[in-house]
Amino acid sequence: MSYEEILKVVFPLLEGADLASCMAVCKQWRDLAQDDYFWKCVCAKRWPSICKRPDAPTVTYYKLYQTFYKRQHRQILLPPRLSFDNLEFFIDIWTDDKLIFSEVVPGPVLHNGIKSPPPGICDRLRFQLEGPDCKMTLPVEPGFKVPLGETVSVSVLVGRKDSNKVACIINKSVFDYIDRTSYRAMAFDYLGLSPAHPFVPGIRAWISLLFMDDRNDSVIDVFGIEMDFCDAAKSRDEVLWLLDILDWK
């Protein structure tokens, strides 16, 4: 059996990534591995029914595999229709029924975040605040203390200056999870999206009270507030697009 015949026996057995690697070995392997029969064998493992057609559904099975072999996690977004300059956030926090924090926060302030984290915070929290993802953080000056024996809840509304419309991000949710490894107390709520977008439910908005380690197990010493949407929106444009599809009233 010749060298080329051996490759013709082996190539149909390979997965797509391995066959693609073979194309990079040398010109002889590349020319042979480009035979669409081998790529039809690869596609037949993932989408056997489409390979029953007499002709490839696209120009080649190689192109079909290139297009769909993995999900595109990051898509290029059009410029958002909203801007942080046109938004303001209304944040209210209670312990039991006592209001302890109430601020109207301009969008640029929340977007610019905490530029200089205070000294003494843990390295893990500092790393998160300085990470590349879009951060919506607000320094709390002066800070406040929250007794852990009381129910602490939060509401967040967002307003648009151009239309005077308001949308709800978090509706009186309770901080019922305290992570002492990253020094944050967390609450969440499911976003109320416009009925024009009925197929994207279950997106959560998270809000965190960022606190210092003051060695006191009965209270937390809050120095900042952070809001995020986890994997649903990480970049600035993704956040603005997500806010744009809220149920504005």
C-alpha atoms as a PDB file:
ATOM      1  CA  MET A   1       0.000   0.000   0.000  1.00  0.00           C
ATOM      2  CA  SER A   2       1.419   3.363  -1.031  1.00  0.00           C
ATOM      3  CA  TYR A   3       1.933   6.339   1.252  1.00  0.00           C
ATOM      4  CA  GLU A   4      -1.009   8.195  -0.309  1.00  0.00           C
ATOM      5  CA  GLU A   5      -3.300   5.170  -0.033  1.00  0.00           C
ATOM      6  CA  ILE A   6      -2.544   4.919   3.691  1.00  0.00           C
ATOM      7  CA  LEU A   7      -3.571   8.561   4.170  1.00  0.00           C
ATOM      8  CA  LYS A   8      -6.783   7.953   2.222  1.00  0.00           C
ATOM      9  CA  VAL A   9      -7.635   5.189   4.694  1.00  0.00           C
ATOM     10  CA  VAL A  10      -6.758   7.250   7.785  1.00  0.00           C
ATOM     11  CA  PHE A  11      -8.255  10.639   6.860  1.00  0.00           C
ATOM     12  CA  PRO A  12     -11.927   9.516   6.851  1.00  0.00           C
ATOM     13  CA  LEU A  13     -11.485   8.316  10.450  1.00  0.00           C
ATOM     14  CA  LEU A  14     -10.309  11.689  11.785  1.00  0.00           C
ATOM     15  CA  GLU A  15     -12.289  14.401  13.561  1.00  0.00           C
ATOM     16  CA  GLY A  16     -12.520  17.774  11.872  1.00  0.00           C
ATOM     17  CA  ALA A  17      -9.902  19.494  14.020  1.00  0.00           C
ATOM     18  CA  ASP A  18      -7.407  16.681  13.388  1.00  0.00           C
ATOM     19  CA  LEU A  19      -8.074  16.687   9.641  1.00  0.00           C
ATOM     20  CA  ALA A  20      -7.531  20.446   9.589  1.00  0.00           C
ATOM     21  CA  SER A  21      -4.216  19.963  11.419  1.00  0.00           C
ATOM     22  CA  CYS A  22      -3.159  17.481   8.751  1.00  0.00           C
ATOM     23  CA  MET A  23      -3.651  20.188   6.130  1.00  0.00           C
ATOM     24  CA  ALA A  24      -0.905  22.179   7.829  1.00  0.00           C
ATOM     25  CA  VAL A  25       1.733  19.403   7.697  1.00  0.00           C
ATOM     26  CA  CYS A  26       2.880  19.859   4.117  1.00  0.00           C
ATOM     27  CA  LYS A  27       1.586  20.673   0.628  1.00  0.00           C
ATOM     28  CA  GLN A  28       1.040  17.009  -0.253  1.00  0.00           C
ATOM     29  CA  TRP A  29      -1.101  16.408   2.855  1.00  0.00           C
ATOM     30  CA  ARG A  30      -2.999  19.672   2.319  1.00  0.00           C
ATOM     31  CA  ASP A  31      -3.874  18.849  -1.283  1.00  0.00           C
ATOM     32  CA  LEU A  32      -5.055  15.397  -0.276  1.00  0.00           C
ATOM     33  CA  ALA A  33      -6.995  16.514   2.822  1.00  0.00           C
ATOM     34  CA  GLN A  34      -8.900  19.084   0.773  1.00  0.00           C
ATOM     35  CA  ASP A  35     -10.786  16.265  -0.946  1.00  0.00           C
ATOM     36  CA  ASP A  36     -14.406  16.981  -0.025  1.00  0.00           C
ATOM     37  CA  TYR A  37     -15.090  13.269   0.507  1.00  0.00           C
ATOM     38  CA  PHE A  38     -13.092  13.397   3.742  1.00  0.00           C
ATOM     39  CA  TRP A  39     -15.029  16.448   4.931  1.00  0.00           C
ATOM     40  CA  LYS A  40     -18.291  14.711   4.079  1.00  0.00           C
ATOM     41  CA  CYS A  41     -17.170  11.921   6.420  1.00  0.00           C
ATOM     42  CA  VAL A  42     -16.528  14.520   9.129  1.00  0.00           C
ATOM     43  CA  CYS A  43     -19.926  16.175   8.609  1.00  0.00           C
ATOM     44  CA  ALA A  44     -21.655  12.793   8.634  1.00  0.00           C
ATOM     45  CA  LYS A  45     -20.572  12.326  12.254  1.00  0.00           C
ATOM     46  CA  ARG A  46     -22.274  15.563  13.324  1.00  0.00           C
ATOM     47  CA  TRP A  47     -25.135  15.961  10.871  1.00  0.00           C
ATOM     48  CA  PRO A  48     -25.706  12.546   9.236  1.00  0.00           C
ATOM     49  CA  SER A  49     -29.078  13.456   7.740  1.00  0.00           C
ATOM     50  CA  ILE A  50     -27.714  16.351   5.665  1.00  0.00           C
ATOM     51  CA  CYS A  51     -25.143  14.045   4.129  1.00  0.00           C
ATOM     52  CA  LYS A  52     -27.926  11.935   2.626  1.00  0.00           C
ATOM     53  CA  ARG A  53     -28.447  14.632   0.005  1.00  0.00           C
ATOM     54  CA  PRO A  54     -26.866  13.879  -3.387  1.00  0.00           C
ATOM     55  CA  ASP A  55     -25.092  17.254  -3.365  1.00  0.00           C
ATOM     56  CA  ALA A  56     -23.492  19.302  -0.614  1.00  0.00           C
ATOM     57  CA  PRO A  57     -25.912  21.927   0.834  1.00  0.00           C
ATOM     58  CA  THR A  58     -23.255  24.600   0.390  1.00  0.00           C
ATOM     59  CA  VAL A  59     -20.355  24.877  -2.029  1.00  0.00           C
ATOM     60  CA  THR A  60     -18.440  22.127  -0.206  1.00  0.00           C
ATOM     61  CA  TYR A  61     -18.728  20.040   2.949  1.00  0.00           C
ATOM     62  CA  TYR A  62     -15.468  21.643   4.032  1.00  0.00           C
ATOM     63  CA  LYS A  63     -17.181  25.045   3.989  1.00  0.00           C
ATOM     64  CA  LEU A  64     -20.177  23.586   5.848  1.00  0.00           C
ATOM     65  CA  TYR A  65     -17.918  22.306   8.627  1.00  0.00           C
ATOM     66  CA  GLN A  66     -15.975  25.569   8.800  1.00  0.00           C
ATOM     67  CA  THR A  67     -19.199  27.523   9.249  1.00  0.00           C
ATOM     68  CA  PHE A  68     -20.912  25.427  11.912  1.00  0.00           C
ATOM     69  CA  TYR A  69     -18.304  23.345  13.736  1.00  0.00           C
ATOM     70  CA  LYS A  70     -18.459  25.642  16.782  1.00  0.00           C
ATOM     71  CA  ARG A  71     -20.622  28.404  18.143  1.00  0.00           C
ATOM     72  CA  GLN A  72     -19.524  31.966  17.650  1.00  0.00           C
ATOM     73  CA  HIS A  73     -19.568  33.232  21.240  1.00  0.00           C
ATOM     74  CA  ARG A  74     -18.687  36.797  20.408  1.00  0.00           C
ATOM     75  CA  GLN A  75     -20.613  38.525  17.674  1.00  0.00           C
ATOM     76  CA  ILE A  76     -19.940  41.991  16.361  1.00  0.00           C
ATOM     77  CA  LEU A  77     -22.724  44.268  17.569  1.00  0.00           C
ATOM     78  CA  LEU A  78     -24.107  47.296  15.812  1.00  0.00           C
ATOM     79  CA  PRO A  79     -23.582  50.545  17.751  1.00  0.00           C
ATOM     80  CA  PRO A  80     -26.111  50.642  20.621  1.00  0.00           C
ATOM     81  CA  ARG A  81     -29.070  52.986  20.391  1.00  0.00           C
ATOM     82  CA  LEU A  82     -28.661  53.996  24.029  1.00  0.00           C
ATOM     83  CA  SER A  83     -25.761  55.739  25.714  1.00  0.00           C
ATOM     84  CA  PHE A  84     -24.806  56.001  29.367  1.00  0.00           C
ATOM     85  CA  ASP A  85     -24.964  59.786  28.969  1.00  0.00           C
ATOM     86  CA  ASN A  86     -28.716  59.470  28.448  1.00  0.00           C
ATOM     87  CA  LEU A  87     -29.348  57.226  31.470  1.00  0.00           C
ATOM     88  CA  GLU A  88     -29.688  57.669  35.201  1.00  0.00           C
ATOM     89  CA  PHE A  89     -30.040  54.949  37.803  1.00  0.00           C
ATOM     90  CA  PHE A  90     -32.196  55.141  40.940  1.00  0.00           C
ATOM     91  CA  ILE A  91     -30.764  52.933  43.701  1.00  0.00           C
ATOM     92  CA  ASP A  92     -32.524  52.457  47.060  1.00  0.00           C
ATOM     93  CA  ILE A  93     -31.415  50.123  49.864  1.00  0.00           C
ATOM     94  CA  TRP A  94     -33.290  49.274  53.056  1.00  0.00           C
ATOM     95  CA  THR A  95     -32.542  47.395  56.275  1.00  0.00           C
ATOM     96  CA  ASP A  96     -35.915  45.997  57.281  1.00  0.00           C
ATOM     97  CA  ASP A  97     -38.105  49.082  56.634  1.00  0.00           C
ATOM     98  CA  LYS A  98     -35.427  51.728  57.217  1.00  0.00           C
ATOM     99  CA  LEU A  99     -33.968  53.441  54.146  1.00  0.00           C
ATOM    100  CA  ILE A 100     -30.172  53.496  54.481  1.00  0.00           C
ATOM    101  CA  PHE A 101     -29.085  54.438  50.936  1.00  0.00           C
ATOM    102  CA  SER A 102     -30.899  56.385  48.242  1.00  0.00           C
ATOM    103  CA  GLU A 103     -29.127  57.939  45.272  1.00  0.00           C
ATOM    104  CA  VAL A 104     -29.817  59.096  41.723  1.00  0.00           C
ATOM    105  CA  VAL A 105     -26.686  58.006  39.862  1.00  0.00           C
ATOM    106  CA  PRO A 106     -25.881  59.467  36.417  1.00  0.00           C
ATOM    107  CA  GLY A 107     -25.080  56.813  33.822  1.00  0.00           C
ATOM    108  CA  PRO A 108     -21.493  57.996  33.185  1.00  0.00           C
ATOM    109  CA  VAL A 109     -20.734  57.831  36.939  1.00  0.00           C
ATOM    110  CA  LEU A 110     -21.899  54.208  37.168  1.00  0.00           C
ATOM    111  CA  HIS A 111     -20.109  53.299  33.950  1.00  0.00           C
ATOM    112  CA  ASN A 112     -16.823  54.932  34.958  1.00  0.00           C
ATOM    113  CA  GLY A 113     -16.862  52.871  38.128  1.00  0.00           C
ATOM    114  CA  ILE A 114     -14.447  52.804  41.018  1.00  0.00           C
ATOM    115  CA  LYS A 115     -11.195  53.980  39.481  1.00  0.00           C
ATOM    116  CA  SER A 116      -9.162  53.741  42.680  1.00  0.00           C
ATOM    117  CA  PRO A 117     -10.253  50.902  44.973  1.00  0.00           C
ATOM    118  CA  PRO A 118      -9.672  51.781  48.624  1.00  0.00           C
ATOM    119  CA  PRO A 119      -6.643  50.331  50.397  1.00  0.00           C
ATOM    120  CA  GLY A 120      -7.227  47.269  52.476  1.00  0.00           C
ATOM    121  CA  ILE A 121      -9.628  45.395  50.201  1.00  0.00           C
ATOM    122  CA  CYS A 122      -8.839  41.767  49.416  1.00  0.00           C
ATOM    123  CA  ASP A 123      -6.750  40.911  46.333  1.00  0.00           C
ATOM    124  CA  ARG A 124      -9.566  38.865  44.784  1.00  0.00           C
ATOM    125  CA  LEU A 125     -12.002  41.781  44.923  1.00  0.00           C
ATOM    126  CA  ARG A 126      -9.371  44.213  43.637  1.00  0.00           C
ATOM    127  CA  PHE A 127      -8.657  41.880  40.686  1.00  0.00           C
ATOM    128  CA  GLN A 128     -12.366  41.728  39.818  1.00  0.00           C
ATOM    129  CA  LEU A 129     -12.784  45.501  39.980  1.00  0.00           C
ATOM    130  CA  GLU A 130      -9.763  46.037  37.737  1.00  0.00           C
ATOM    131  CA  GLY A 131     -10.752  43.334  35.210  1.00  0.00           C
ATOM    132  CA  PRO A 132     -11.430  44.033  31.504  1.00  0.00           C
ATOM    133  CA  ASP A 133     -15.205  43.481  31.547  1.00  0.00           C
ATOM    134  CA  CYS A 134     -17.617  46.393  31.727  1.00  0.00           C
ATOM    135  CA  LYS A 135     -18.050  47.350  35.370  1.00  0.00           C
ATOM    136  CA  MET A 136     -20.945  49.359  36.761  1.00  0.00           C
ATOM    137  CA  THR A 137     -19.626  50.267  40.170  1.00  0.00           C
ATOM    138  CA  LEU A 138     -20.326  53.129  42.517  1.00  0.00           C
ATOM    139  CA  PRO A 139     -18.186  54.240  45.454  1.00  0.00           C
ATOM    140  CA  VAL A 140     -20.264  54.773  48.600  1.00  0.00           C
ATOM    141  CA  GLU A 141     -18.999  57.902  50.332  1.00  0.00           C
ATOM    142  CA  PRO A 142     -19.348  57.910  53.213  1.00  0.00           C
ATOM    143  CA  GLY A 143     -19.669  54.161  53.595  1.00  0.00           C
ATOM    144  CA  PHE A 144     -22.340  52.541  55.716  1.00  0.00           C
ATOM    145  CA  LYS A 145     -22.590  49.480  57.922  1.00  0.00           C
ATOM    146  CA  VAL A 146     -25.225  46.770  57.453  1.00  0.00           C
ATOM    147  CA  PRO A 147     -26.237  44.586  60.425  1.00  0.00           C
ATOM    148  CA  LEU A 148     -26.300  40.957  59.323  1.00  0.00           C
ATOM    149  CA  GLY A 149     -29.233  40.137  61.571  1.00  0.00           C
ATOM    150  CA  GLU A 150     -31.567  42.394  59.558  1.00  0.00           C
ATOM    151  CA  THR A 151     -33.208  41.903  56.177  1.00  0.00           C
ATOM    152  CA  VAL A 152     -31.425  44.064  53.606  1.00  0.00           C
ATOM    153  CA  SER A 153     -33.212  44.715  50.303  1.00  0.00           C
ATOM    154  CA  VAL A 154     -32.594  46.800  47.186  1.00  0.00           C
ATOM    155  CA  SER A 155     -34.478  48.308  44.252  1.00  0.00           C
ATOM    156  CA  VAL A 156     -32.937  49.692  41.066  1.00  0.00           C
ATOM    157  CA  LEU A 157     -34.781  51.647  38.385  1.00  0.00           C
ATOM    158  CA  VAL A 158     -33.242  53.177  35.265  1.00  0.00           C
ATOM    159  CA  GLY A 159     -34.519  56.268  33.495  1.00  0.00           C
ATOM    160  CA  ARG A 160     -34.036  57.675  30.005  1.00  0.00           C
ATOM    161  CA  LYS A 161     -33.572  61.426  29.740  1.00  0.00           C
ATOM    162  CA  ASP A 162     -34.691  61.568  26.096  1.00  0.00           C
ATOM    163  CA  SER A 163     -38.157  60.095  26.697  1.00  0.00           C
ATOM    164  CA  ASN A 164     -38.661  60.328  30.476  1.00  0.00           C
ATOM    165  CA  LYS A 165     -39.420  56.603  30.445  1.00  0.00           C
ATOM    166  CA  VAL A 166     -38.413  54.321  33.312  1.00  0.00           C
ATOM    167  CA  ALA A 167     -37.640  50.594  33.472  1.00  0.00           C
ATOM    168  CA  CYS A 168     -37.163  48.279  36.432  1.00  0.00           C
ATOM    169  CA  ILE A 169     -33.903  46.368  36.852  1.00  0.00           C
ATOM    170  CA  ILE A 170     -34.290  45.057  40.421  1.00  0.00           C
ATOM    171  CA  ASN A 171     -37.518  45.172  42.417  1.00  0.00           C
ATOM    172  CA  LYS A 172     -37.024  44.998  46.231  1.00  0.00           C
ATOM    173  CA  SER A 173     -34.718  41.976  46.168  1.00  0.00           C
ATOM    174  CA  VAL A 174     -33.062  40.699  49.335  1.00  0.00           C
ATOM    175  CA  PHE A 175     -29.307  40.388  49.841  1.00  0.00           C
ATOM    176  CA  ASP A 176     -29.530  36.759  50.894  1.00  0.00           C
ATOM    177  CA  TYR A 177     -26.049  35.592  49.897  1.00  0.00           C
ATOM    178  CA  ILE A 178     -22.805  36.796  51.481  1.00  0.00           C
ATOM    179  CA  ASP A 179     -19.526  35.679  49.917  1.00  0.00           C
ATOM    180  CA  ARG A 180     -16.777  36.353  52.449  1.00  0.00           C
ATOM    181  CA  THR A 181     -14.094  35.087  50.053  1.00  0.00           C
ATOM    182  CA  SER A 182     -14.733  37.981  47.655  1.00  0.00           C
ATOM    183  CA  TYR A 183     -16.254  40.372  50.240  1.00  0.00           C
ATOM    184  CA  ARG A 184     -19.597  40.983  48.644  1.00  0.00           C
ATOM    185  CA  ALA A 185     -23.254  40.577  49.622  1.00  0.00           C
ATOM    186  CA  MET A 186     -25.378  39.718  46.585  1.00  0.00           C
ATOM    187  CA  ALA A 187     -28.978  40.076  45.428  1.00  0.00           C
ATOM    188  CA  PHE A 188     -30.561  39.493  42.035  1.00  0.00           C
ATOM    189  CA  ASP A 189     -33.759  39.827  40.068  1.00  0.00           C
ATOM    190  CA  TYR A 190     -34.943  38.674  36.644  1.00  0.00           C
ATOM    191  CA  LEU A 191     -35.093  41.450  34.079  1.00  0.00           C
ATOM    192  CA  GLY A 192     -38.478  42.518  32.799  1.00  0.00           C
ATOM    193  CA  LEU A 193     -37.959  42.661  29.034  1.00  0.00           C
ATOM    194  CA  SER A 194     -40.161  44.237  26.407  1.00  0.00           C
ATOM    195  CA  PRO A 195     -42.908  41.983  24.953  1.00  0.00           C
ATOM    196  CA  ALA A 196     -41.219  42.614  21.609  1.00  0.00           C
ATOM    197  CA  HIS A 197     -38.437  40.277  22.811  1.00  0.00           C
ATOM    198  CA  PRO A 198     -40.330  37.210  24.116  1.00  0.00           C
ATOM    199  CA  PHE A 199     -37.605  34.635  23.464  1.00  0.00           C
ATOM    200  CA  VAL A 200     -34.871  35.877  25.825  1.00  0.00           C
ATOM    201  CA  PRO A 201     -36.290  35.242  29.321  1.00  0.00           C
ATOM    202  CA  GLY A 202     -34.366  34.361  32.442  1.00  0.00           C
ATOM    203  CA  ILE A 203     -31.675  37.060  32.304  1.00  0.00           C
ATOM    204  CA  ARG A 204     -30.654  38.083  35.803  1.00  0.00           C
ATOM    205  CA  ALA A 205     -29.381  41.399  37.054  1.00  0.00           C
ATOM    206  CA  TRP A 206     -27.043  41.088  40.031  1.00  0.00           C
ATOM    207  CA  ILE A 207     -26.233  43.810  42.519  1.00  0.00           C
ATOM    208  CA  SER A 208     -23.497  43.496  45.118  1.00  0.00           C
ATOM    209  CA  LEU A 209     -22.568  45.403  48.244  1.00  0.00           C
ATOM    210  CA  LEU A 210     -18.779  45.523  48.323  1.00  0.00           C
ATOM    211  CA  PHE A 211     -17.385  45.543  51.835  1.00  0.00           C
ATOM    212  CA  MET A 212     -14.138  45.682  53.768  1.00  0.00           C
ATOM    213  CA  ASP A 213     -12.829  42.982  56.036  1.00  0.00           C
ATOM    214  CA  ASP A 214     -13.226  44.622  59.439  1.00  0.00           C
ATOM    215  CA  ARG A 215     -13.147  41.297  61.363  1.00  0.00           C
ATOM    216  CA  ASN A 216     -16.701  41.867  62.556  1.00  0.00           C
ATOM    217  CA  ASP A 217     -19.098  38.982  61.954  1.00  0.00           C
ATOM    218  CA  SER A 218     -22.192  40.951  62.926  1.00  0.00           C
ATOM    219  CA  VAL A 219     -21.965  43.803  60.372  1.00  0.00           C
ATOM    220  CA  ILE A 220     -20.492  44.463  56.945  1.00  0.00           C
ATOM    221  CA  ASP A 221     -18.740  47.769  56.200  1.00  0.00           C
ATOM    222  CA  VAL A 222     -19.912  48.758  52.699  1.00  0.00           C
ATOM    223  CA  PHE A 223     -17.627  50.916  50.530  1.00  0.00           C
ATOM    224  CA  GLY A 224     -19.143  50.311  47.086  1.00  0.00           C
ATOM    225  CA  ILE A 225     -21.999  48.961  44.990  1.00  0.00           C
ATOM    226  CA  GLU A 226     -21.642  46.902  41.816  1.00  0.00           C
ATOM    227  CA  MET A 227     -24.265  45.881  39.259  1.00  0.00           C
ATOM    228  CA  ASP A 228     -23.749  43.390  36.438  1.00  0.00           C
ATOM    229  CA  PHE A 229     -25.535  40.949  34.150  1.00  0.00           C
ATOM    230  CA  CYS A 230     -22.969  38.109  34.294  1.00  0.00           C
ATOM    231  CA  ASP A 231     -22.508  36.325  30.963  1.00  0.00           C
ATOM    232  CA  ALA A 232     -25.571  37.951  29.367  1.00  0.00           C
ATOM    233  CA  ALA A 233     -23.720  41.245  28.870  1.00  0.00           C
ATOM    234  CA  LYS A 234     -20.065  41.910  29.632  1.00  0.00           C
ATOM    235  CA  SER A 235     -18.976  44.708  27.315  1.00  0.00           C
ATOM    236  CA  ARG A 236     -20.239  48.284  27.334  1.00  0.00           C
ATOM    237  CA  ASP A 237     -22.204  47.807  24.092  1.00  0.00           C
ATOM    238  CA  GLU A 238     -23.739  44.536  25.297  1.00  0.00           C
ATOM    239  CA  VAL A 239     -24.920  46.206  28.495  1.00  0.00           C
ATOM    240  CA  LEU A 240     -26.494  49.085  26.557  1.00  0.00           C
ATOM    241  CA  TRP A 241     -28.254  46.733  24.140  1.00  0.00           C
ATOM    242  CA  LEU A 242     -29.616  44.745  27.084  1.00  0.00           C
ATOM    243  CA  LEU A 243     -30.903  47.895  28.781  1.00  0.00           C
ATOM    244  CA  ASP A 244     -32.471  48.972  25.489  1.00  0.00           C
ATOM    245  CA  ILE A 245     -34.770  45.921  25.379  1.00  0.00           C
ATOM    246  CA  LEU A 246     -36.137  46.443  28.891  1.00  0.00           C
ATOM    247  CA  ASP A 247     -39.863  47.041  29.297  1.00  0.00           C
ATOM    248  CA  TRP A 248     -39.761  50.836  29.338  1.00  0.00           C
ATOM    249  CA  LYS A 249     -42.865  52.591  30.753  1.00  0.00           C
END
